[in-house]
Amino acid sequence: MKRQPLVELAGQGSPLARARTRVPATEYFWAGTAAVTAALAGVLGWLLRAWPPHEDEALALFVGRGSLGHVLRTVLFERGGAPLHFGFAWAIVHLGGGLTALRLVSLVFAVASVPLIALLGKRLAGPAVGVAAALLASGTWAVLFHGIYGRMYSLFLFTSLLSFLALLSALDVGGRRRFALWGLAVLAMLASHPYAVLVVAAQSLFVVVRRRRVREAALTLAAVGVFGVPFWWADIVLRNRFDIGVGGGGPQLGSPTSVLHYFWWVSGDFSTGHHAWSIPVLLLALAGAVLLWRRRPEVVVLIACVIAIPALAFMLATLNSTTSPEARHLIFALPFFSILLAAPLVELAGLRPPLTGVLALLAVVTLVVGEVRWVHQKTPQLFDGDPPGEAQARSTAGAWLASTDRPSDVLLGYEPVYLRAWEQDRSFTGHVLPRADPALLASTLQDIREPIGRGIWVLDASDTTNITERQTIPFVLPAPGGAAFEGRVYGPFLVIRSREPLVTRAHYLSVAENVMRVGVRLGIGDADVNLRTLLRAASRL
C-alpha cells in the first residue's frame, strides 16, 4: 500500500474529517485563527509593562551595549546561549530602545506563533483542531508569561514551529527548495535556544521511523551540522559553564521517576496547572492520543518523538545543583500537547450537534479559564504588577546611581536597579560582573583594567528567592569599615557603594564578600550564592 503524506491524510474521510463538516469548517479557519491571534496580542499588550523587570532581561540589554562583534564573542565563547536573542537585544540597544522594546520582541514572536500552531494543528488533525489548539495554547502560562518576558522562549517557540511545518512539507511534497527551507528553519531554531538540539534529534528520529525521503533529510541535516557550528559551539560553552554531562544520576533528574514528575509539572504549565486539574487534563490528552492513533498513527509517532527525545536526554544527563530544567525549556512541545487536548473536543462537537457542540465549547472555555487562573496563581505579578511603591523605589534608586555614576564603577549581577539607571543615563557604567558563575566572574574581572573603580551592590528584600519577601530593608553598612561605604534605602532595596575606588581585583573581591555577608544576615536569597561565587572566583585569581 502506498504511504500517504500527512497533508493528504488530514483531508481524508475519517470520522474526524466528517466531524469537521459539522463544526467550524475550513472557510472559518482563518477567521478563528485571526480572532485568537488578535485576542492574544491585546492581552499581552495589556500585560507588557506590569511584570517587574528581571535580571535576565537586564543581562541581555547590558550585553547588547557592546559592538555586534563583542556580543557574538560574548555569547559564542564566554556565556553560551542564544545568539539570535542577543542579536535582537543588540539591535534594540543601538536603536535607542530598552526593556519595553525587548519585551515587544517576545510579544511579536508569541503572537506570530498562534497562526503557526493553528497551521500545525490543521495539517495534523484538521482546521477545527488547529483553531482550538491555538486557543488552548494561547491561554497557558508558557505563552502568556513568555510572551512578555524579555528572553528567548517565544522566539524558540516560533522557530521550532517553523521547523516542524517545514519538515512536514518537505517530507510530504519533497524537493530541494522545501528541504532547504527546513534547513534554514532549523538553523534559526538552533540560534534561538540550546534546547533546540532536542528538537533536531526528535525530527531526525521521526524521519528515520517514518522512512520517507530519508536521504534528502540526511543531506539537509549534514548541511545544518556544518553551517550550525557556531551554534553547536555556543551550546558546548553553556553546558561547560553549568557542568552538564552524560551518565545519569544528576541531582535534578536522571531517573524515570524524576523525569515523569518533571513532565507532569510541564503538562501543568502547558494547561491548567496541577493538583485537581492534572488527572482530567492528562486523561483528555490521552483520549486525544488514542483518537489520533486510530485515525492518523503517524501524527502520534511524531508527538511521541517530541516527547521521547527529551525524556531520554534527561534520564542520561548529569545535572549539577544550579541546573534545573523547567517547563519553558520544552516550550516546543506545547503545540503538540494542545493538539492532543483539542482533538477529542472537536470530535465531541461533531457527535450530536448542537448539544455536543455546546458541551465542547464549554469544555474549551473551562480549560482556558483554568489556564488563566493558573497563570495568576503561578506568577501573580504578571497581572498585578509590583507591590505598591516598589516600582517607584526601583526607579528612584536607579536615578540616584545614574546621577552619581562614574565610568569605572563595578556592578555585581544584572540587578533591575542597574537597568533603570542605564535607561535614565545611557552612559551608565558597563562594568558588570556576572553572579553565580565563578569562572565567568573571574574572567570578566580580569578583563577590567586596574585600578578598579568603586564597587556597587544592591540587596533586594523583595526578591522571590528570599525566604520571606519584604517591602522594607534595614539600613546596614558592612562592618568593619562602615565609613568606607555609603548606602541608601529605597523601599526594599539597599544600595551600597564604596566611597573610593577599590584599586585591585583582590581588594574588590574581599570587599564584595563583606557586603554579601551583610546580605546573608539580612536574609537576602541571592547573597549566599553570590558569596560562594566570589570566594571561588578569588581562588581562581
Protein backbone atom coordinates (compact mmCIF):
# COMPACT_ATOMS: atom_id res chain seq x y z
CA MET A 1 0.00 0.00 0.00
CA LYS A 2 1.35 3.39 -0.99
CA ARG A 3 2.22 5.61 2.01
CA GLN A 4 0.14 8.80 2.08
CA PRO A 5 1.61 12.09 3.26
CA LEU A 6 0.27 13.68 6.42
CA VAL A 7 -1.09 16.65 4.50
CA GLU A 8 -3.26 14.28 2.41
CA LEU A 9 -4.32 12.21 5.39
CA ALA A 10 -5.65 15.33 7.07
CA GLY A 11 -8.18 15.71 4.28
CA GLN A 12 -9.41 12.09 4.04
CA GLY A 13 -12.85 10.92 5.01
CA SER A 14 -12.09 9.81 8.55
CA PRO A 15 -14.57 10.40 11.39
CA LEU A 16 -12.52 13.43 12.39
CA ALA A 17 -12.77 14.76 8.85
CA ARG A 18 -16.52 14.12 8.79
CA ALA A 19 -16.81 15.91 12.12
CA ARG A 20 -15.18 18.92 10.60
CA THR A 21 -18.09 19.22 8.21
CA ARG A 22 -20.39 19.64 11.20
CA VAL A 23 -18.23 22.07 13.21
CA PRO A 24 -16.17 25.06 12.13
CA ALA A 25 -15.14 24.24 8.55
CA THR A 26 -12.09 25.27 6.56
CA GLU A 27 -13.64 28.57 5.48
CA TYR A 28 -13.74 29.65 9.14
CA PHE A 29 -10.19 28.56 9.88
CA TRP A 30 -8.50 31.88 9.18
CA ALA A 31 -11.26 33.90 10.84
CA GLY A 32 -10.94 31.84 14.02
CA THR A 33 -7.16 31.98 13.90
CA ALA A 34 -7.21 35.74 13.40
CA ALA A 35 -9.56 36.19 16.35
CA VAL A 36 -7.33 34.13 18.66
CA THR A 37 -4.23 35.96 17.43
CA ALA A 38 -5.79 39.39 17.97
CA ALA A 39 -7.01 38.41 21.43
CA LEU A 40 -3.55 37.24 22.50
CA ALA A 41 -1.96 40.40 21.10
CA GLY A 42 -4.36 42.53 23.12
CA VAL A 43 -3.79 40.61 26.35
CA LEU A 44 -0.01 40.65 26.01
CA GLY A 45 -0.06 44.35 25.19
CA TRP A 46 -2.02 44.95 28.40
CA LEU A 47 0.45 42.85 30.42
CA LEU A 48 3.61 44.17 28.78
CA ARG A 49 4.70 46.63 31.46
CA ALA A 50 3.03 45.09 34.51
CA TRP A 51 5.56 42.42 35.41
CA PRO A 52 8.65 43.80 37.24
CA PRO A 53 11.96 43.85 35.35
CA HIS A 54 14.08 40.72 35.76
CA GLU A 55 17.86 40.33 35.96
CA ASP A 56 17.93 38.11 32.84
CA GLU A 57 16.31 40.91 30.86
CA ALA A 58 18.90 43.34 32.22
CA LEU A 59 21.63 40.86 31.26
CA ALA A 60 20.54 40.77 27.61
CA LEU A 61 20.43 44.57 27.37
CA PHE A 62 23.77 45.11 29.14
CA VAL A 63 25.48 42.54 26.90
CA GLY A 64 23.84 44.24 23.93
CA ARG A 65 25.53 47.55 24.77
CA GLY A 66 28.77 46.39 23.14
CA SER A 67 29.53 46.16 19.45
CA LEU A 68 27.95 43.33 17.45
CA GLY A 69 31.31 41.58 17.37
CA HIS A 70 31.60 41.89 21.15
CA VAL A 71 28.09 40.49 21.61
CA LEU A 72 28.81 37.49 19.38
CA ARG A 73 32.14 36.86 21.07
CA THR A 74 30.48 37.02 24.49
CA VAL A 75 27.70 34.62 23.53
CA LEU A 76 29.74 32.16 21.46
CA PHE A 77 32.88 31.95 23.58
CA GLU A 78 32.10 33.19 27.11
CA ARG A 79 28.45 32.77 28.07
CA GLY A 80 26.95 30.41 25.51
CA GLY A 81 23.23 30.58 24.90
CA ALA A 82 21.03 32.03 22.16
CA PRO A 83 22.90 34.23 19.64
CA LEU A 84 19.71 35.29 17.85
CA HIS A 85 18.11 36.58 21.06
CA PHE A 86 21.22 38.57 21.96
CA GLY A 87 21.32 39.87 18.40
CA PHE A 88 17.83 41.31 18.89
CA ALA A 89 18.95 42.83 22.20
CA TRP A 90 21.96 44.43 20.47
CA ALA A 91 19.71 45.94 17.78
CA ILE A 92 17.29 47.28 20.39
CA VAL A 93 20.03 48.94 22.43
CA HIS A 94 21.66 50.57 19.42
CA LEU A 95 18.31 51.81 18.15
CA GLY A 96 17.73 53.54 21.49
CA GLY A 97 15.29 51.04 22.98
CA GLY A 98 15.18 49.47 26.41
CA LEU A 99 13.21 46.94 28.41
CA THR A 100 9.85 47.65 26.78
CA ALA A 101 11.31 47.18 23.31
CA LEU A 102 12.97 43.92 24.37
CA ARG A 103 9.64 42.66 25.67
CA LEU A 104 7.95 43.73 22.45
CA VAL A 105 10.19 41.27 20.59
CA SER A 106 8.89 38.47 22.82
CA LEU A 107 5.33 39.69 22.28
CA VAL A 108 5.70 39.72 18.49
CA PHE A 109 7.05 36.17 18.33
CA ALA A 110 4.44 34.86 20.78
CA VAL A 111 1.63 36.39 18.73
CA ALA A 112 3.20 35.20 15.47
CA SER A 113 3.30 31.66 16.90
CA VAL A 114 -0.50 31.48 17.12
CA PRO A 115 -1.14 31.12 13.35
CA LEU A 116 1.70 28.59 13.19
CA ILE A 117 0.12 26.49 15.95
CA ALA A 118 -3.17 26.64 14.08
CA LEU A 119 -1.48 25.60 10.83
CA LEU A 120 0.32 22.73 12.55
CA GLY A 121 -2.95 21.54 14.09
CA LYS A 122 -4.71 21.87 10.74
CA ARG A 123 -2.03 19.83 8.98
CA LEU A 124 -2.04 17.10 11.61
CA ALA A 125 -5.71 16.91 12.61
CA GLY A 126 -7.83 19.37 10.64
CA PRO A 127 -8.75 23.08 10.70
CA ALA A 128 -11.09 22.94 13.71
CA VAL A 129 -8.42 21.21 15.80
CA GLY A 130 -5.91 23.81 14.63
CA VAL A 131 -8.02 26.75 15.83
CA ALA A 132 -8.90 25.03 19.11
CA ALA A 133 -5.25 24.11 19.76
CA ALA A 134 -4.17 27.70 19.08
CA LEU A 135 -6.77 28.96 21.56
CA LEU A 136 -5.78 26.45 24.25
CA ALA A 137 -2.09 27.19 23.82
CA SER A 138 -2.64 30.97 23.94
CA GLY A 139 -4.12 30.86 27.44
CA THR A 140 -1.29 28.90 29.02
CA TRP A 141 1.37 30.18 31.39
CA ALA A 142 4.02 29.16 28.85
CA VAL A 143 2.66 31.61 26.27
CA LEU A 144 1.28 34.44 28.43
CA PHE A 145 4.37 34.72 30.61
CA HIS A 146 6.98 34.21 27.90
CA GLY A 147 5.00 36.45 25.58
CA ILE A 148 6.16 39.44 27.65
CA TYR A 149 9.32 38.07 29.30
CA GLY A 150 12.29 39.64 27.51
CA ARG A 151 14.10 36.37 26.90
CA MET A 152 14.27 33.87 24.04
CA TYR A 153 11.42 31.48 24.75
CA SER A 154 8.69 32.87 22.48
CA LEU A 155 11.36 33.15 19.77
CA PHE A 156 12.21 29.48 20.40
CA LEU A 157 8.53 28.53 20.14
CA PHE A 158 8.18 30.41 16.85
CA THR A 159 11.29 28.98 15.20
CA SER A 160 10.53 25.44 16.37
CA LEU A 161 7.05 25.70 14.84
CA LEU A 162 8.58 26.90 11.59
CA SER A 163 10.93 23.93 11.60
CA PHE A 164 8.15 21.38 12.20
CA LEU A 165 5.93 22.87 9.48
CA ALA A 166 8.86 23.00 7.07
CA LEU A 167 9.82 19.40 7.87
CA LEU A 168 6.30 18.08 7.27
CA SER A 169 6.07 19.99 4.00
CA ALA A 170 9.45 18.67 2.85
CA LEU A 171 8.62 15.07 3.74
CA ASP A 172 5.16 15.19 2.16
CA VAL A 173 6.00 17.02 -1.07
CA GLY A 174 9.77 16.77 -1.39
CA GLY A 175 12.03 18.97 -3.47
CA ARG A 176 15.32 20.74 -2.79
CA ARG A 177 13.63 24.04 -2.08
CA ARG A 178 11.46 22.62 0.70
CA PHE A 179 14.34 20.78 2.33
CA ALA A 180 16.43 23.96 2.09
CA LEU A 181 13.66 25.88 3.85
CA TRP A 182 13.58 23.22 6.56
CA GLY A 183 17.35 23.54 6.98
CA LEU A 184 17.09 27.33 7.31
CA ALA A 185 14.31 26.99 9.88
CA VAL A 186 16.41 24.52 11.88
CA LEU A 187 19.37 26.92 11.84
CA ALA A 188 17.16 29.76 13.07
CA MET A 189 15.89 27.48 15.84
CA LEU A 190 19.43 26.48 16.83
CA ALA A 191 20.27 30.18 17.08
CA SER A 192 17.26 30.69 19.36
CA HIS A 193 17.92 28.27 22.23
CA PRO A 194 20.37 25.50 23.24
CA TYR A 195 17.49 23.05 23.77
CA ALA A 196 16.84 23.22 20.03
CA VAL A 197 19.18 20.25 19.79
CA LEU A 198 16.36 18.18 21.31
CA VAL A 199 14.04 19.28 18.52
CA VAL A 200 16.60 18.37 15.88
CA ALA A 201 17.01 14.94 17.46
CA ALA A 202 13.22 14.44 17.62
CA GLN A 203 12.81 15.43 13.98
CA SER A 204 15.67 13.15 12.96
CA LEU A 205 14.07 10.24 14.81
CA PHE A 206 10.75 10.91 13.11
CA VAL A 207 12.41 10.86 9.69
CA VAL A 208 14.05 7.52 10.45
CA VAL A 209 10.87 5.97 11.85
CA ARG A 210 8.73 7.25 9.00
CA ARG A 211 11.25 6.08 6.36
CA ARG A 212 10.27 8.66 3.81
CA ARG A 213 12.81 10.85 1.94
CA VAL A 214 15.50 9.78 4.38
CA ARG A 215 18.36 10.58 2.01
CA GLU A 216 17.22 14.18 1.39
CA ALA A 217 16.66 14.72 5.10
CA ALA A 218 20.09 13.30 5.96
CA LEU A 219 21.78 15.65 3.48
CA THR A 220 19.89 18.59 4.95
CA LEU A 221 20.90 17.65 8.49
CA ALA A 222 24.51 17.26 7.37
CA ALA A 223 24.43 20.80 5.97
CA VAL A 224 22.87 22.03 9.21
CA GLY A 225 25.67 20.31 11.10
CA VAL A 226 28.25 22.28 9.13
CA PHE A 227 26.58 25.68 8.99
CA GLY A 228 25.41 25.38 12.58
CA VAL A 229 28.93 25.05 14.03
CA PRO A 230 28.77 28.46 15.80
CA PHE A 231 25.53 27.41 17.49
CA TRP A 232 26.86 23.98 18.48
CA TRP A 233 29.88 25.72 19.97
CA ALA A 234 27.69 28.14 21.95
CA ASP A 235 25.80 25.15 23.32
CA ILE A 236 29.04 23.46 24.38
CA VAL A 237 30.18 26.64 26.15
CA LEU A 238 26.87 26.84 28.03
CA ARG A 239 26.95 23.15 29.00
CA ASN A 240 30.51 23.52 30.28
CA ARG A 241 29.52 26.55 32.36
CA PHE A 242 26.74 24.62 34.08
CA ASP A 243 28.63 21.32 34.23
CA ILE A 244 26.07 19.34 32.22
CA GLY A 245 27.27 15.89 31.24
CA VAL A 246 26.09 12.41 30.32
CA GLY A 247 25.74 9.46 32.62
CA GLY A 248 22.58 9.95 34.67
CA GLY A 249 22.32 10.24 38.39
CA GLY A 250 22.25 14.03 38.45
CA PRO A 251 20.53 15.64 41.40
CA GLN A 252 17.82 17.29 39.30
CA LEU A 253 16.65 14.42 37.06
CA GLY A 254 18.44 11.26 35.94
CA SER A 255 15.76 8.63 36.73
CA PRO A 256 12.47 7.62 35.09
CA THR A 257 10.52 8.67 38.18
CA SER A 258 12.01 12.16 38.32
CA VAL A 259 11.60 12.61 34.57
CA LEU A 260 7.93 11.61 34.79
CA HIS A 261 7.44 14.10 37.61
CA TYR A 262 9.10 16.78 35.51
CA PHE A 263 6.83 16.01 32.55
CA TRP A 264 3.82 16.11 34.88
CA TRP A 265 4.89 19.55 36.03
CA VAL A 266 5.41 20.68 32.42
CA SER A 267 1.91 19.48 31.48
CA GLY A 268 0.52 21.74 34.20
CA ASP A 269 2.27 24.81 32.81
CA PHE A 270 1.03 23.77 29.35
CA SER A 271 -2.57 23.71 30.56
CA THR A 272 -4.46 24.42 33.77
CA GLY A 273 -1.85 23.82 36.43
CA HIS A 274 -1.60 20.94 38.87
CA HIS A 275 -3.44 19.13 41.66
CA ALA A 276 -7.18 18.83 40.91
CA TRP A 277 -6.80 19.69 37.22
CA SER A 278 -3.97 17.31 36.41
CA ILE A 279 -5.79 13.99 36.03
CA PRO A 280 -8.72 15.32 33.90
CA VAL A 281 -6.34 17.20 31.59
CA LEU A 282 -3.98 14.24 31.19
CA LEU A 283 -6.92 11.91 30.53
CA LEU A 284 -8.16 14.31 27.86
CA ALA A 285 -4.69 14.32 26.26
CA LEU A 286 -4.64 10.52 26.40
CA ALA A 287 -8.03 10.41 24.68
CA GLY A 288 -6.62 12.69 22.00
CA ALA A 289 -3.63 10.40 21.51
CA VAL A 290 -5.87 7.31 21.20
CA LEU A 291 -8.18 9.09 18.79
CA LEU A 292 -5.35 10.30 16.58
CA TRP A 293 -3.66 6.89 16.69
CA ARG A 294 -6.82 5.29 15.30
CA ARG A 295 -7.16 7.93 12.58
CA ARG A 296 -3.61 9.00 11.80
CA PRO A 297 -0.89 6.94 13.52
CA GLU A 298 1.95 8.99 12.04
CA VAL A 299 0.76 12.06 13.93
CA VAL A 300 1.09 10.18 17.21
CA VAL A 301 4.50 8.89 16.13
CA LEU A 302 5.64 12.49 15.61
CA ILE A 303 4.31 13.54 19.03
CA ALA A 304 5.94 10.51 20.62
CA CYS A 305 9.30 11.53 19.12
CA VAL A 306 8.88 15.05 20.52
CA ILE A 307 8.29 13.58 23.99
CA ALA A 308 10.68 10.63 23.93
CA ILE A 309 13.84 12.51 22.98
CA PRO A 310 13.75 14.98 25.93
CA ALA A 311 12.79 12.14 28.28
CA LEU A 312 15.78 10.07 27.16
CA ALA A 313 18.09 13.09 27.28
CA PHE A 314 17.11 13.97 30.84
CA MET A 315 17.48 10.39 32.01
CA LEU A 316 21.01 10.27 30.58
CA ALA A 317 22.06 13.77 31.62
CA THR A 318 24.07 14.60 34.72
CA LEU A 319 22.99 18.00 36.01
CA ASN A 320 24.57 19.99 38.79
CA SER A 321 22.68 21.72 41.57
CA THR A 322 22.31 25.03 39.69
CA THR A 323 20.77 23.46 36.58
CA SER A 324 17.04 22.92 36.79
CA PRO A 325 15.04 22.26 33.61
CA GLU A 326 11.67 23.97 33.68
CA ALA A 327 8.56 24.00 31.54
CA ARG A 328 9.92 26.77 29.33
CA HIS A 329 12.74 24.52 28.14
CA LEU A 330 10.19 22.25 26.46
CA ILE A 331 8.06 25.05 25.02
CA PHE A 332 8.49 23.48 21.57
CA ALA A 333 6.23 20.61 22.77
CA LEU A 334 3.39 22.94 23.78
CA PRO A 335 1.62 22.95 20.34
CA PHE A 336 1.52 19.15 20.27
CA PHE A 337 0.07 18.94 23.78
CA SER A 338 -2.58 21.49 22.81
CA ILE A 339 -3.42 19.42 19.72
CA LEU A 340 -3.90 16.34 21.91
CA LEU A 341 -6.31 18.33 24.09
CA ALA A 342 -8.17 19.84 21.16
CA ALA A 343 -8.72 16.69 19.08
CA PRO A 344 -11.23 14.91 21.36
CA LEU A 345 -13.11 18.16 21.99
CA VAL A 346 -13.55 18.69 18.25
CA GLU A 347 -14.67 15.07 17.89
CA LEU A 348 -17.18 15.62 20.70
CA ALA A 349 -18.53 18.74 18.99
CA GLY A 350 -19.39 16.76 15.89
CA LEU A 351 -21.17 13.82 17.52
CA ARG A 352 -24.69 15.24 18.09
CA PRO A 353 -24.72 18.95 17.27
CA PRO A 354 -25.75 21.40 18.52
CA LEU A 355 -25.83 19.81 22.00
CA THR A 356 -22.37 18.28 21.88
CA GLY A 357 -21.07 21.41 20.20
CA VAL A 358 -22.19 23.46 23.20
CA LEU A 359 -20.59 20.92 25.56
CA ALA A 360 -17.31 21.08 23.65
CA LEU A 361 -17.37 24.87 23.69
CA LEU A 362 -18.00 24.88 27.44
CA ALA A 363 -15.07 22.49 27.89
CA VAL A 364 -12.76 24.77 25.89
CA VAL A 365 -13.88 27.83 27.84
CA THR A 366 -13.39 25.96 31.13
CA LEU A 367 -9.88 24.96 30.12
CA VAL A 368 -8.93 28.49 29.07
CA VAL A 369 -10.32 29.95 32.31
CA GLY A 370 -8.38 27.31 34.26
CA GLU A 371 -5.23 28.17 32.33
CA VAL A 372 -5.50 31.89 33.07
CA ARG A 373 -6.27 31.12 36.71
CA TRP A 374 -3.09 29.06 36.91
CA VAL A 375 -1.06 31.88 35.31
CA HIS A 376 -2.24 34.25 38.03
CA GLN A 377 -1.56 31.71 40.76
CA LYS A 378 1.91 30.88 39.49
CA THR A 379 3.03 34.43 38.58
CA PRO A 380 0.66 36.92 40.23
CA GLN A 381 2.87 39.91 39.43
CA LEU A 382 2.27 39.28 35.72
CA PHE A 383 -1.27 40.62 36.27
CA ASP A 384 -0.91 42.62 39.47
CA GLY A 385 2.46 44.27 38.85
CA ASP A 386 4.78 45.43 41.61
CA PRO A 387 3.56 45.85 45.17
CA PRO A 388 2.62 49.49 45.83
CA GLY A 389 5.65 51.75 45.70
CA GLU A 390 8.20 49.12 44.63
CA ALA A 391 8.43 50.25 41.01
CA GLN A 392 8.93 53.85 42.12
CA ALA A 393 11.56 52.77 44.65
CA ARG A 394 13.44 50.89 41.92
CA SER A 395 13.34 53.90 39.60
CA THR A 396 14.42 56.30 42.36
CA ALA A 397 17.33 54.05 43.29
CA GLY A 398 18.33 53.88 39.63
CA ALA A 399 18.10 57.66 39.33
CA TRP A 400 20.46 58.13 42.29
CA LEU A 401 23.01 55.75 40.79
CA ALA A 402 22.71 57.36 37.36
CA SER A 403 23.21 60.87 38.77
CA THR A 404 26.32 59.89 40.76
CA ASP A 405 27.82 57.39 38.32
CA ARG A 406 31.49 57.08 37.41
CA PRO A 407 32.52 55.15 34.27
CA SER A 408 34.88 52.97 36.33
CA ASP A 409 32.23 51.76 38.80
CA VAL A 410 31.87 47.97 39.04
CA LEU A 411 28.48 46.30 39.46
CA LEU A 412 27.76 42.80 40.75
CA GLY A 413 24.95 40.99 38.97
CA TYR A 414 22.45 42.34 36.46
CA GLU A 415 20.15 43.92 39.00
CA PRO A 416 16.99 45.60 37.65
CA VAL A 417 18.02 48.71 39.61
CA TYR A 418 21.08 48.96 37.34
CA LEU A 419 18.79 48.57 34.33
CA ARG A 420 16.73 51.53 35.50
CA ALA A 421 19.91 53.56 35.99
CA TRP A 422 21.07 52.75 32.46
CA GLU A 423 17.67 53.63 30.96
CA GLN A 424 17.99 57.06 32.58
CA ASP A 425 21.64 57.53 31.64
CA ARG A 426 22.90 55.57 28.61
CA SER A 427 26.48 56.26 29.64
CA PHE A 428 25.98 54.38 32.92
CA THR A 429 28.91 52.10 33.70
CA GLY A 430 29.12 48.90 31.70
CA HIS A 431 31.42 47.02 34.09
CA VAL A 432 29.11 44.24 35.27
CA LEU A 433 30.35 41.06 36.96
CA PRO A 434 28.04 38.07 36.39
CA ARG A 435 26.99 36.26 39.52
CA ALA A 436 26.53 32.51 40.20
CA ASP A 437 29.37 31.55 37.83
CA PRO A 438 32.85 31.75 39.45
CA ALA A 439 34.80 31.13 36.25
CA LEU A 440 32.91 33.76 34.26
CA LEU A 441 33.06 36.25 37.13
CA ALA A 442 36.84 35.77 37.45
CA SER A 443 37.30 36.07 33.68
CA THR A 444 35.18 39.23 33.49
CA LEU A 445 37.02 40.78 36.43
CA GLN A 446 40.33 40.03 34.73
CA ASP A 447 39.12 41.99 31.70
CA ILE A 448 38.56 45.14 33.82
CA ARG A 449 41.75 47.15 33.97
CA GLU A 450 43.21 48.15 37.30
CA PRO A 451 42.82 50.42 39.16
CA ILE A 452 39.34 49.04 39.84
CA GLY A 453 36.67 51.68 40.44
CA ARG A 454 34.07 51.86 43.16
CA GLY A 455 32.02 48.77 43.91
CA ILE A 456 28.22 48.94 43.81
CA TRP A 457 25.88 46.31 45.24
CA VAL A 458 22.10 46.02 45.55
CA LEU A 459 20.40 43.92 48.25
CA ASP A 460 16.74 43.28 47.41
CA ALA A 461 14.45 42.26 50.27
CA SER A 462 11.51 41.76 47.87
CA ASP A 463 13.21 39.17 45.67
CA THR A 464 11.27 35.93 45.20
CA THR A 465 14.37 33.89 46.13
CA ASN A 466 14.19 35.20 49.71
CA ILE A 467 12.63 33.01 52.36
CA THR A 468 10.50 36.00 53.30
CA GLU A 469 9.68 38.71 50.77
CA ARG A 470 9.60 42.16 52.39
CA GLN A 471 8.93 45.69 51.27
CA THR A 472 11.43 47.23 53.69
CA ILE A 473 15.06 46.53 54.48
CA PRO A 474 17.27 47.74 57.35
CA PHE A 475 19.95 50.32 56.64
CA VAL A 476 23.07 48.27 57.30
CA LEU A 477 26.59 49.02 56.10
CA PRO A 478 29.36 46.40 56.01
CA ALA A 479 31.37 46.19 59.20
CA PRO A 480 34.16 46.68 59.98
CA GLY A 481 34.93 49.68 57.84
CA GLY A 482 31.45 51.19 57.64
CA ALA A 483 32.94 54.62 56.96
CA ALA A 484 34.35 53.25 53.71
CA PHE A 485 30.82 52.81 52.33
CA GLU A 486 27.76 54.84 51.59
CA GLY A 487 24.33 53.35 51.37
CA ARG A 488 20.74 54.29 50.75
CA VAL A 489 17.46 52.50 51.25
CA TYR A 490 14.72 52.72 48.63
CA GLY A 491 11.76 50.61 49.73
CA PRO A 492 13.00 47.01 49.67
CA PHE A 493 16.34 47.96 48.02
CA LEU A 494 19.52 48.65 49.96
CA VAL A 495 22.11 50.17 47.63
CA ILE A 496 25.67 50.01 48.95
CA ARG A 497 28.62 51.71 47.28
CA SER A 498 32.25 52.05 48.29
CA ARG A 499 33.25 55.67 48.74
CA GLU A 500 36.59 55.24 46.99
CA PRO A 501 37.91 53.10 44.13
CA LEU A 502 38.91 49.60 45.23
CA VAL A 503 42.05 49.65 43.04
CA THR A 504 42.95 45.95 42.89
CA ARG A 505 40.92 42.90 41.91
CA ALA A 506 41.81 41.15 45.16
CA HIS A 507 40.58 44.12 47.20
CA TYR A 508 37.35 44.26 45.20
CA LEU A 509 36.64 40.58 45.89
CA SER A 510 37.39 40.99 49.60
CA VAL A 511 35.07 43.99 49.93
CA ALA A 512 32.33 42.32 47.86
CA GLU A 513 32.47 39.26 50.11
CA ASN A 514 31.98 41.52 53.12
CA VAL A 515 28.93 43.11 51.52
CA MET A 516 27.42 39.72 50.67
CA ARG A 517 27.84 38.58 54.28
CA VAL A 518 25.65 41.54 55.21
CA GLY A 519 23.11 40.28 52.69
CA VAL A 520 23.20 36.81 54.21
CA ARG A 521 22.49 38.27 57.66
CA LEU A 522 19.56 40.20 56.19
CA GLY A 523 18.10 37.04 54.65
CA ILE A 524 18.71 38.02 51.01
CA GLY A 525 18.36 34.83 48.98
CA ASP A 526 20.95 35.64 46.33
CA ALA A 527 23.58 36.82 48.81
CA ASP A 528 24.72 33.35 49.88
CA VAL A 529 25.01 32.25 46.23
CA ASN A 530 26.96 35.38 45.41
CA LEU A 531 29.23 34.89 48.40
CA ARG A 532 30.14 31.35 47.34
CA THR A 533 30.74 32.60 43.80
CA LEU A 534 33.05 35.38 45.00
CA LEU A 535 35.05 33.01 47.20
CA ARG A 536 35.52 30.54 44.36
CA ALA A 537 36.39 33.34 41.94
CA ALA A 538 39.01 34.61 44.41
CA SER A 539 40.62 31.17 44.48
CA ARG A 540 40.82 31.22 40.69
CA LEU A 541 42.55 34.60 40.70
